[in-house]
Protein backbone atom coordinates (compact mmCIF):
# COMPACT_ATOMS: atom_id res chain seq x y z
CA MET A 1 -25.35 -4.42 -18.22
CA PRO A 2 -24.83 -3.52 -14.70
CA LEU A 3 -22.00 -0.75 -14.24
CA ILE A 4 -19.73 -0.69 -11.32
CA TYR A 5 -17.79 2.66 -10.87
CA LEU A 6 -14.52 2.09 -9.13
CA ILE A 7 -12.13 4.96 -7.68
CA ALA A 8 -8.51 4.30 -6.71
CA GLY A 9 -6.24 7.07 -5.84
CA GLU A 10 -2.84 5.43 -5.82
CA GLN A 11 -0.64 2.35 -6.81
CA SER A 12 -1.68 0.29 -4.19
CA GLY A 13 -5.41 0.97 -4.70
CA ASP A 14 -4.98 0.36 -8.21
CA ILE A 15 -3.68 -3.26 -7.79
CA LEU A 16 -6.52 -3.85 -5.37
CA GLY A 17 -8.76 -2.49 -7.86
CA ALA A 18 -7.61 -4.63 -10.44
CA ARG A 19 -7.90 -7.80 -8.29
CA LEU A 20 -11.24 -7.06 -7.26
CA MET A 21 -12.15 -6.35 -10.90
CA HIS A 22 -10.78 -9.83 -11.83
CA ALA A 23 -12.60 -11.55 -8.98
CA ILE A 24 -15.75 -9.71 -9.97
CA LYS A 25 -15.62 -10.79 -13.59
CA ALA A 26 -15.06 -14.44 -12.74
CA ARG A 27 -18.48 -14.43 -11.00
CA ARG A 28 -20.47 -11.89 -13.18
CA PRO A 29 -19.10 -11.64 -16.62
CA ASP A 30 -21.77 -9.10 -17.57
CA ILE A 31 -20.52 -6.31 -15.18
CA ALA A 32 -19.11 -3.18 -16.97
CA PHE A 33 -16.52 -1.04 -15.15
CA ALA A 34 -15.67 2.85 -15.27
CA GLY A 35 -14.02 5.21 -12.76
CA VAL A 36 -10.47 6.32 -11.98
CA GLY A 37 -7.58 3.89 -11.84
CA GLY A 38 -4.17 3.07 -12.90
CA SER A 39 -2.29 0.59 -15.38
CA ALA A 40 -3.34 -2.53 -13.33
CA MET A 41 -7.08 -1.78 -13.45
CA ALA A 42 -6.76 -0.71 -17.12
CA ALA A 43 -5.38 -4.31 -17.95
CA GLN A 44 -8.83 -5.36 -16.25
CA GLY A 45 -10.51 -3.24 -18.77
CA LEU A 46 -11.23 0.10 -16.96
CA ASP A 47 -10.58 3.43 -18.93
CA SER A 48 -9.61 5.97 -16.19
CA LEU A 49 -11.22 9.38 -16.21
CA PHE A 50 -7.67 10.68 -15.55
CA PRO A 51 -4.17 9.53 -14.27
CA ILE A 52 -4.11 8.52 -10.56
CA ARG A 53 -0.77 9.97 -10.27
CA THR A 54 -2.56 13.52 -10.12
CA VAL A 55 -4.17 12.39 -6.73
CA ALA A 56 -1.65 10.39 -5.16
CA LEU A 57 -0.30 12.93 -2.69
CA MET A 58 0.46 12.71 1.06
CA GLY A 59 0.97 15.24 3.82
CA LEU A 60 -0.60 18.77 4.54
CA LEU A 61 2.24 20.75 2.79
CA GLU A 62 2.15 18.60 -0.24
CA VAL A 63 -1.57 18.78 -0.86
CA LEU A 64 -1.61 22.52 -0.35
CA PRO A 65 0.05 23.40 -3.66
CA LYS A 66 -2.37 20.99 -5.58
CA ILE A 67 -5.65 22.10 -3.80
CA PHE A 68 -7.14 23.76 -6.72
CA GLN A 69 -6.09 20.70 -9.09
CA LEU A 70 -7.55 18.58 -6.66
CA LYS A 71 -10.90 20.38 -6.41
CA THR A 72 -11.22 20.27 -10.05
CA LEU A 73 -10.69 16.53 -10.42
CA LEU A 74 -13.21 16.05 -7.48
CA LYS A 75 -15.73 17.96 -9.33
CA GLN A 76 -14.91 16.15 -12.48
CA THR A 77 -15.36 12.67 -10.74
CA VAL A 78 -18.65 13.69 -9.11
CA ALA A 79 -20.11 14.80 -12.35
CA ASP A 80 -18.94 11.46 -14.08
CA ILE A 81 -20.66 9.51 -11.45
CA LYS A 82 -23.90 11.59 -11.54
CA HIS A 83 -23.81 11.31 -15.48
CA ARG A 84 -23.32 7.50 -15.48
CA THR A 85 -25.64 6.70 -12.44
CA PRO A 86 -23.71 3.44 -11.97
CA ASP A 87 -25.44 0.56 -10.09
CA LEU A 88 -22.65 0.58 -7.43
CA LEU A 89 -19.79 2.92 -6.49
CA VAL A 90 -16.62 1.20 -5.07
CA THR A 91 -14.05 3.72 -3.57
CA ILE A 92 -10.71 2.23 -2.64
CA ASP A 93 -8.57 3.62 0.07
CA SER A 94 -7.33 7.04 -0.48
CA PRO A 95 -9.63 8.80 1.90
CA GLY A 96 -8.31 12.31 1.31
CA PHE A 97 -9.74 12.16 -2.28
CA THR A 98 -12.25 9.07 -2.05
CA LEU A 99 -14.33 10.13 1.03
CA ARG A 100 -14.40 13.84 -0.40
CA VAL A 101 -16.38 12.07 -3.35
CA LEU A 102 -18.76 10.33 -1.36
CA ARG A 103 -19.41 13.37 0.43
CA ALA A 104 -19.84 15.42 -2.48
CA LEU A 105 -22.34 12.92 -3.81
CA GLN A 106 -24.80 13.13 -0.71
CA PRO A 107 -27.67 12.75 -0.92
CA THR A 108 -27.42 9.96 -3.28
CA THR A 109 -29.44 6.71 -4.15
CA ILE A 110 -26.28 5.05 -5.59
CA LYS A 111 -25.09 2.00 -3.48
CA ARG A 112 -21.76 2.53 -2.06
CA ALA A 113 -18.89 0.33 -0.76
CA HIS A 114 -15.66 1.79 0.65
CA TYR A 115 -12.75 -0.94 0.37
CA VAL A 116 -9.82 -0.42 2.64
CA ALA A 117 -11.14 1.17 6.05
CA PRO A 118 -9.79 4.68 6.95
CA GLN A 119 -7.19 4.28 9.84
CA ALA A 120 -9.32 6.19 12.34
CA TRP A 121 -8.05 3.42 14.75
CA ALA A 122 -4.46 4.95 14.35
CA TRP A 123 -5.08 8.50 14.44
CA ARG A 124 -7.63 11.02 14.71
CA GLU A 125 -10.51 8.78 15.89
CA GLY A 126 -12.83 11.62 15.94
CA ARG A 127 -13.12 11.32 12.04
CA VAL A 128 -15.56 8.40 12.59
CA LYS A 129 -18.38 10.72 13.68
CA HIS A 130 -18.31 12.04 9.93
CA TYR A 131 -18.95 8.59 8.29
CA PRO A 132 -22.27 7.43 8.92
CA GLY A 133 -24.17 7.75 5.63
CA LEU A 134 -21.11 7.76 3.46
CA TRP A 135 -21.19 4.31 2.56
CA ASP A 136 -23.41 1.15 2.73
CA GLU A 137 -20.56 -1.34 3.04
CA LEU A 138 -16.88 -1.10 4.47
CA LEU A 139 -14.59 -3.67 3.59
CA CYS A 140 -11.75 -3.93 5.97
CA LEU A 141 -8.16 -5.46 5.36
CA LEU A 142 -7.43 -5.79 9.04
CA PRO A 143 -9.07 -8.21 11.48
CA PHE A 144 -9.40 -5.73 14.45
CA GLU A 145 -11.04 -3.19 12.38
CA PRO A 146 -14.86 -4.46 12.21
CA ALA A 147 -14.88 -4.45 16.12
CA PHE A 148 -13.51 -0.91 16.18
CA PHE A 149 -15.96 0.53 13.77
CA ALA A 150 -18.91 -1.52 15.50
CA GLY A 151 -17.78 0.26 18.68
CA HIS A 152 -18.68 3.47 16.90
CA GLY A 153 -22.07 2.37 15.64
CA LEU A 154 -20.81 1.40 11.95
CA SER A 155 -20.94 -1.82 10.56
CA ALA A 156 -17.79 -3.28 8.60
CA ARG A 157 -16.63 -6.57 7.11
CA PHE A 158 -13.20 -8.04 7.40
CA VAL A 159 -12.43 -9.71 3.70
CA GLY A 160 -8.92 -10.26 4.54
CA HIS A 161 -5.73 -8.81 3.02
CA PRO A 162 -4.78 -8.63 -0.73
CA VAL A 163 -1.21 -9.07 -0.10
CA LEU A 164 -1.62 -12.77 0.38
CA GLU A 165 -2.43 -12.90 -3.33
CA SER A 166 0.52 -10.79 -4.25
CA GLY A 167 2.77 -13.77 -5.04
CA ALA A 168 5.40 -11.99 -3.23
CA GLU A 169 6.65 -15.55 -1.83
CA THR A 170 6.82 -17.18 -5.31
CA GLY A 171 10.35 -15.60 -6.41
CA ASN A 172 13.36 -17.69 -7.63
CA ALA A 173 16.57 -16.51 -5.94
CA GLU A 174 18.90 -18.32 -8.39
CA ARG A 175 17.09 -16.87 -11.34
CA PHE A 176 17.58 -13.46 -10.04
CA ARG A 177 21.44 -14.02 -9.13
CA THR A 178 21.99 -15.49 -12.82
CA ARG A 179 20.24 -12.92 -14.67
CA HIS A 180 22.23 -10.17 -12.90
CA ALA A 181 25.63 -12.13 -12.57
CA ILE A 182 25.44 -11.68 -8.68
CA PRO A 183 28.46 -13.82 -6.94
CA ALA A 184 27.26 -16.48 -4.51
CA GLY A 185 28.44 -14.81 -1.54
CA ALA A 186 27.13 -11.14 -2.28
CA LYS A 187 24.99 -9.82 0.34
CA ILE A 188 21.74 -8.43 -1.44
CA LEU A 189 19.46 -5.66 0.17
CA THR A 190 16.07 -4.77 -1.16
CA VAL A 191 15.40 -1.22 -1.03
CA MET A 192 11.71 0.05 -1.22
CA PRO A 193 11.48 3.96 -0.93
CA GLY A 194 7.60 4.29 -1.78
CA SER A 195 5.32 4.91 -4.65
CA ARG A 196 4.64 8.62 -3.83
CA GLN A 197 6.79 11.61 -5.40
CA THR A 198 6.97 13.32 -1.98
CA GLU A 199 7.98 10.10 0.04
CA VAL A 200 10.57 9.07 -2.52
CA SER A 201 12.13 12.44 -2.97
CA ARG A 202 12.48 12.49 0.88
CA LEU A 203 13.65 9.09 1.44
CA LEU A 204 15.98 8.33 -1.32
CA PRO A 205 18.98 10.46 0.08
CA ILE A 206 18.49 8.99 3.56
CA LEU A 207 18.55 5.48 1.91
CA GLU A 208 21.79 6.26 -0.14
CA ALA A 209 23.54 7.54 2.70
CA THR A 210 22.84 4.43 4.84
CA ILE A 211 24.09 2.04 2.05
CA ARG A 212 27.53 4.25 1.96
CA LEU A 213 27.74 3.72 5.94
CA LEU A 214 27.28 0.08 5.78
CA PRO A 215 30.60 -1.57 7.05
CA GLU A 216 30.48 -4.20 4.35
CA PRO A 217 29.28 -3.57 0.66
CA VAL A 218 25.75 -4.76 -0.39
CA ILE A 219 24.04 -4.95 -3.79
CA PRO A 220 20.97 -2.93 -3.48
CA VAL A 221 17.82 -3.62 -5.47
CA VAL A 222 15.05 -1.17 -5.88
CA PRO A 223 11.61 -2.28 -7.19
CA LEU A 224 10.29 0.64 -9.41
CA ALA A 225 6.80 1.74 -8.74
CA GLY A 226 5.24 3.32 -11.69
CA PRO A 227 4.42 6.73 -10.58
CA VAL A 228 7.96 7.31 -9.35
CA GLU A 229 10.02 5.26 -11.78
CA ALA A 230 11.61 8.12 -13.51
CA VAL A 231 12.47 9.85 -10.28
CA VAL A 232 14.05 6.77 -8.92
CA ARG A 233 16.22 6.10 -11.85
CA GLN A 234 17.48 9.52 -11.87
CA ARG A 235 18.41 9.96 -8.18
CA THR A 236 19.96 6.47 -7.94
CA THR A 237 22.54 7.33 -10.33
CA SER A 238 24.95 8.56 -7.67
CA TRP A 239 24.55 5.56 -5.44
CA PRO A 240 28.03 3.83 -4.25
CA ILE A 241 26.96 0.64 -5.97
CA LYS A 242 24.68 1.07 -8.61
CA PRO A 243 21.55 -0.62 -7.98
CA ILE A 244 19.44 -3.04 -9.69
CA LEU A 245 16.41 -1.61 -10.72
CA VAL A 246 13.53 -3.80 -11.13
CA ALA A 247 10.44 -2.83 -13.05
CA ASP A 248 8.33 -6.10 -13.28
CA THR A 249 6.54 -8.05 -10.90
CA GLN A 250 8.23 -11.48 -11.25
CA GLY A 251 11.49 -9.73 -10.94
CA LYS A 252 10.57 -7.78 -7.72
CA HIS A 253 9.59 -11.21 -6.28
CA ASP A 254 12.62 -13.01 -7.57
CA ALA A 255 14.61 -10.02 -5.94
CA PHE A 256 12.70 -10.89 -2.55
CA ALA A 257 13.76 -14.36 -2.78
CA ALA A 258 17.62 -13.52 -3.00
CA SER A 259 17.54 -10.85 -0.71
CA ASP A 260 19.46 -11.04 2.78
CA ALA A 261 17.24 -8.26 3.92
CA ALA A 262 15.28 -5.25 3.06
CA LEU A 263 15.14 -1.47 4.20
CA THR A 264 11.91 -0.24 3.35
CA LYS A 265 9.27 2.56 4.12
CA SER A 266 6.07 1.74 6.38
CA GLY A 267 3.05 0.57 4.79
CA THR A 268 2.05 -2.26 2.57
CA SER A 269 5.46 -2.98 1.45
CA THR A 270 6.26 -4.34 4.85
CA LEU A 271 3.53 -7.02 4.33
CA GLU A 272 4.73 -7.91 0.85
CA LEU A 273 8.25 -8.60 2.51
CA ALA A 274 6.65 -10.55 5.33
CA VAL A 275 4.94 -12.61 2.72
CA ALA A 276 8.19 -13.28 0.93
CA ASN A 277 9.95 -13.87 4.30
CA VAL A 278 12.60 -11.13 4.01
CA PRO A 279 13.58 -9.84 7.25
CA MET A 280 13.32 -5.88 7.25
CA LEU A 281 13.98 -2.45 8.82
CA VAL A 282 11.26 -0.02 8.50
CA THR A 283 11.78 3.64 8.12
CA TYR A 284 9.80 6.83 7.39
CA ARG A 285 9.95 10.65 7.17
CA ILE A 286 7.37 13.24 6.54
CA ASN A 287 7.58 16.91 6.37
CA PRO A 288 8.58 18.24 9.70
CA ILE A 289 5.48 20.60 10.08
CA SER A 290 3.02 17.70 9.04
CA HIS A 291 5.00 15.55 11.71
CA GLN A 292 4.37 18.15 14.32
CA ILE A 293 0.47 17.96 13.55
CA VAL A 294 0.45 13.97 12.99
CA LYS A 295 2.07 12.99 16.23
CA ARG A 296 -0.41 14.69 18.28
CA VAL A 297 -3.34 12.69 16.98
CA VAL A 298 -1.59 9.25 16.18
CA LYS A 299 -2.93 6.53 18.90
CA VAL A 300 -0.84 3.44 17.64
CA LYS A 301 2.60 2.46 18.84
CA TYR A 302 3.65 1.01 15.53
CA ALA A 303 4.05 1.89 11.98
CA SER A 304 4.53 -1.49 10.63
CA ILE A 305 1.61 -3.52 10.04
CA VAL A 306 3.11 -6.83 11.49
CA ASN A 307 3.93 -5.09 14.72
CA LEU A 308 0.40 -3.89 14.87
CA LEU A 309 -1.01 -7.08 14.29
CA LEU A 310 0.97 -8.80 16.78
CA ASN A 311 1.06 -5.89 19.33
CA ARG A 312 4.88 -6.17 19.88
CA GLN A 313 7.74 -5.03 17.81
CA VAL A 314 9.00 -7.83 15.60
CA VAL A 315 10.40 -5.48 13.00
CA PRO A 316 12.53 -2.62 13.83
CA GLU A 317 11.19 0.83 13.22
CA LEU A 318 13.32 4.07 12.92
CA LEU A 319 11.07 6.92 12.00
CA GLN A 320 11.17 10.69 11.27
CA TYR A 321 14.21 11.82 13.52
CA GLU A 322 15.45 8.42 14.22
CA SER A 323 15.43 7.99 10.39
CA ARG A 324 19.15 8.88 10.20
CA PRO A 325 21.82 7.02 8.01
CA ASP A 326 23.88 6.20 10.98
CA ARG A 327 21.17 4.58 13.06
CA LEU A 328 19.80 3.03 9.88
CA ALA A 329 23.11 1.62 8.83
CA ALA A 330 23.84 -0.02 12.34
CA GLU A 331 20.44 -1.67 12.69
CA LEU A 332 20.67 -2.97 9.09
CA HIS A 333 24.17 -4.46 9.59
CA ARG A 334 22.84 -6.43 12.65
CA LEU A 335 20.24 -7.61 10.64
CA LEU A 336 22.41 -8.56 7.87
CA THR A 337 25.02 -10.29 10.25
CA ASP A 338 22.84 -11.87 13.09
CA PRO A 339 20.71 -14.85 12.17
CA ASP A 340 18.85 -15.06 15.17
CA ALA A 341 17.42 -11.57 14.65
CA ALA A 342 16.46 -12.54 10.99
CA ALA A 343 14.95 -15.86 12.46
CA ALA A 344 12.88 -14.00 15.09
CA GLN A 345 11.34 -11.71 12.42
CA ARG A 346 10.59 -14.66 9.99
CA GLN A 347 8.67 -16.57 13.07
CA GLY A 348 6.85 -13.38 13.82
CA PHE A 349 5.85 -13.07 9.89
CA ALA A 350 4.14 -16.31 10.09
CA GLU A 351 1.86 -15.45 13.06
CA ALA A 352 1.00 -12.11 11.64
CA LEU A 353 -0.04 -13.42 8.11
CA THR A 354 -2.40 -16.05 9.67
CA LEU A 355 -4.38 -13.12 11.12
CA LEU A 356 -4.87 -11.62 7.55
CA ARG A 357 -6.65 -14.60 5.96
CA PRO A 358 -10.63 -14.51 5.28
CA ALA A 359 -13.08 -17.25 6.51
CA SER A 360 -12.72 -18.75 3.13
CA GLY A 361 -11.18 -18.16 -0.40
CA THR A 362 -8.97 -15.47 -1.22
CA PRO A 363 -9.30 -11.74 -0.01
CA SER A 364 -10.07 -10.48 -3.46
CA GLU A 365 -12.88 -13.21 -3.69
CA ALA A 366 -14.40 -12.09 -0.34
CA ALA A 367 -14.30 -8.64 -1.32
CA ALA A 368 -15.84 -9.65 -4.86
CA GLU A 369 -18.70 -11.50 -3.00
CA ALA A 370 -19.37 -8.65 -0.69
CA VAL A 371 -19.50 -6.16 -3.40
CA LEU A 372 -21.83 -8.30 -5.70
CA SER A 373 -24.31 -8.83 -2.76
CA MET A 374 -25.04 -5.32 -3.08
CA LEU A 375 -26.31 -5.61 -6.58
CA PRO A 376 -29.57 -7.42 -7.88
CA SER A 377 -29.01 -10.91 -8.99
CA PRO A 378 -28.71 -11.43 -12.73
């Protein structure tokens, strides 16, 4: 039975990995899986080597206290791969961990695919010189990435963005309002603070203060990401209006359908909201020292993928020192009360999402085809 070893380092990668596994099994039921993943990959049959929350870190100062633990996990992962000798290794995003695994394996005869291209086009382009030899196939989610890597002598394949398979657009607004007894005229605000402990801890106080400053009350809804669920539940108890906490996927999508707007961190959540057609305001903060380092190497103008795809600001962004409750509340109030602002965003969403589709099939099917092409035929 052919063995594919997968490594995901955070919740978004876990979801990607689960969809990839499902698409692979539909084509090759004889495939076995091993590796590192979360609950979504476990549901597809993966027995994870260790919990992914132990490697879901972000930012220089956040990583440093965990450096010895991360080194131990890295050695454990590499040893497991060498012991199992899989037919194919698929590393999924989380370059801070997965690329270290790939480097530690060299030299190796194991076929390797890396799923989700490192964002060297956004910052620290010089990293590209370290990539040759790390993988045999690079699977890209964004349409402009293959050309970027080709410019550095690296082949890459666009497979489409799996957010198109998320079902984010399938929610039922009436069901959500009825379930939570929300009056017909009440404004609903989806709040998405992230899935990492560090970003949630930093953003939640800002988001709470923003809601307090809104001139008109809203009903906040917070979708819960597994790794930070306990933190979010505990830190939202002080909010002026008790938020509706949503733990299941259908509930999240119903919340999207019912929402008038969203206040979200940058990242994949912005694409989820675009698929659901929810006008949004994007914000983010990192440790000030990490920010001083990052701002010297970032090359792109936007943090939102929607804005990046269209090369114009469709979604307003208030980042780092602009991520202040007074600024956020003013911009959010405009979005909640100005139909033209919301309509302009929705038009931009439609343009951006068209660019994320693969040539045929779903993104996960395209990724599965690419992965299986690296294995001998059954």
